[in-house]
Amino acid sequence: MYKQSIQYKVSISYRGKSITIVLREMIEKVDYRKQINANIPNILHSLDAAHLMCIVNRCTPNMKYPYRLKLQDCLGAHSNNIYYLKYLVTTEFIQLYTNEDFKKIP
């Protein structure tokens, strides 16, 4: 939940140099504009994460390729296995978005 904040500007001056710092204090009011604007990016992020998890789940533990790297939103493979990774990415993307459960609108 996105909350509203109160901003305080603090300026410090020392030997002719000035630095301004903005401090924010969160209050209990909900910022509805931020809440609404965040819906679509959050949905897309969730779909991207679901797509990557489908790829990871398709790689069984005894499969060597693609190598799973511990990066946030990435998968990696050696250059000689990049076509296999591309195949997995493409097929899982198609399966995710052509699934009948995905097409249902609540």
Protein backbone atom coordinates (compact mmCIF):
# COMPACT_ATOMS: atom_id res chain seq x y z
CA MET A 1 0.00 0.00 0.00
CA TYR A 2 1.33 3.40 -0.97
CA LYS A 3 1.07 6.02 1.75
CA GLN A 4 1.36 9.78 1.56
CA SER A 5 4.38 11.52 2.97
CA ILE A 6 5.31 14.90 4.35
CA GLN A 7 8.55 16.38 3.05
CA TYR A 8 11.01 18.39 5.09
CA LYS A 9 13.93 20.17 3.42
CA VAL A 10 17.04 20.64 5.50
CA SER A 11 19.84 22.87 4.20
CA ILE A 12 23.32 22.85 5.65
CA SER A 13 25.98 25.37 4.73
CA TYR A 14 29.67 24.88 5.58
CA ARG A 15 32.64 26.83 4.20
CA GLY A 16 30.65 28.21 1.31
CA LYS A 17 29.15 24.88 0.23
CA SER A 18 25.46 24.19 0.64
CA ILE A 19 23.82 20.78 0.82
CA THR A 20 20.06 20.27 0.81
CA ILE A 21 18.54 17.02 2.06
CA VAL A 22 14.89 16.04 1.69
CA LEU A 23 13.49 14.02 4.58
CA ARG A 24 10.16 12.23 4.19
CA GLU A 25 7.84 11.21 6.96
CA MET A 26 5.20 8.64 6.05
CA ILE A 27 1.69 9.36 7.28
CA GLU A 28 -1.29 7.02 7.56
CA LYS A 29 -3.21 8.42 4.57
CA VAL A 30 -3.25 6.27 1.45
CA ASP A 31 -1.97 7.87 -1.75
CA TYR A 32 -4.68 6.65 -4.12
CA ARG A 33 -3.05 8.11 -7.23
CA LYS A 34 0.16 6.12 -6.66
CA GLN A 35 -1.91 3.06 -5.78
CA ILE A 36 -3.83 3.24 -9.08
CA ASN A 37 -0.77 4.07 -11.20
CA ALA A 38 1.11 1.07 -9.78
CA ASN A 39 -1.48 -1.53 -10.83
CA ILE A 40 -0.36 -2.15 -14.42
CA PRO A 41 3.42 -2.19 -13.70
CA ASN A 42 2.83 -4.60 -10.80
CA ILE A 43 0.71 -6.91 -12.98
CA LEU A 44 3.35 -6.91 -15.73
CA HIS A 45 6.09 -7.61 -13.21
CA SER A 46 4.06 -10.55 -11.86
CA LEU A 47 3.57 -11.94 -15.38
CA ASP A 48 7.29 -11.63 -16.10
CA ALA A 49 8.09 -13.47 -12.88
CA ALA A 50 5.56 -16.20 -13.70
CA HIS A 51 7.14 -16.60 -17.15
CA LEU A 52 10.62 -17.01 -15.66
CA MET A 53 9.35 -19.48 -13.07
CA CYS A 54 7.76 -21.57 -15.83
CA ILE A 55 11.13 -21.74 -17.57
CA VAL A 56 12.94 -22.69 -14.36
CA ASN A 57 10.34 -25.34 -13.54
CA ARG A 58 10.70 -26.83 -17.02
CA CYS A 59 14.39 -27.47 -16.36
CA THR A 60 14.52 -30.62 -14.30
CA PRO A 61 17.43 -31.04 -11.85
CA ASN A 62 19.22 -33.56 -14.10
CA MET A 63 19.13 -31.19 -17.11
CA LYS A 64 22.37 -29.31 -17.63
CA TYR A 65 21.10 -26.52 -19.85
CA PRO A 66 20.27 -23.70 -19.50
CA TYR A 67 22.39 -22.93 -16.50
CA ARG A 68 20.32 -21.10 -13.96
CA LEU A 69 22.04 -18.00 -12.74
CA LYS A 70 21.08 -16.38 -9.47
CA LEU A 71 20.11 -13.02 -10.92
CA GLN A 72 16.83 -11.26 -10.31
CA ASP A 73 15.04 -11.36 -13.67
CA CYS A 74 17.53 -13.21 -15.84
CA LEU A 75 18.41 -16.63 -17.14
CA GLY A 76 21.74 -17.44 -18.66
CA ALA A 77 23.32 -20.09 -20.82
CA HIS A 78 26.60 -20.72 -22.51
CA SER A 79 26.74 -19.43 -26.06
CA ASN A 80 26.49 -22.94 -27.54
CA ASN A 81 23.19 -23.47 -25.66
CA ILE A 82 21.57 -20.12 -26.34
CA TYR A 83 19.21 -21.58 -28.95
CA TYR A 84 17.88 -24.06 -26.39
CA LEU A 85 17.28 -21.21 -23.94
CA LYS A 86 15.53 -19.24 -26.67
CA TYR A 87 13.35 -22.27 -27.39
CA LEU A 88 12.37 -22.55 -23.72
CA VAL A 89 11.63 -18.83 -23.42
CA THR A 90 9.46 -18.85 -26.54
CA THR A 91 7.49 -22.01 -25.76
CA GLU A 92 6.83 -21.01 -22.15
CA PHE A 93 5.72 -17.53 -23.25
CA ILE A 94 3.25 -19.04 -25.71
CA GLN A 95 1.96 -21.55 -23.15
CA LEU A 96 1.49 -18.86 -20.50
CA TYR A 97 -0.49 -16.45 -22.65
CA THR A 98 -2.57 -19.01 -24.58
CA ASN A 99 -3.69 -20.80 -21.43
CA GLU A 100 -7.48 -20.71 -21.05
CA ASP A 101 -7.22 -19.75 -17.35
CA PHE A 102 -5.22 -16.67 -18.33
CA LYS A 103 -7.88 -15.54 -20.80
CA LYS A 104 -10.70 -15.58 -18.22
CA ILE A 105 -11.67 -12.14 -16.98
CA PRO A 106 -12.94 -12.15 -13.39
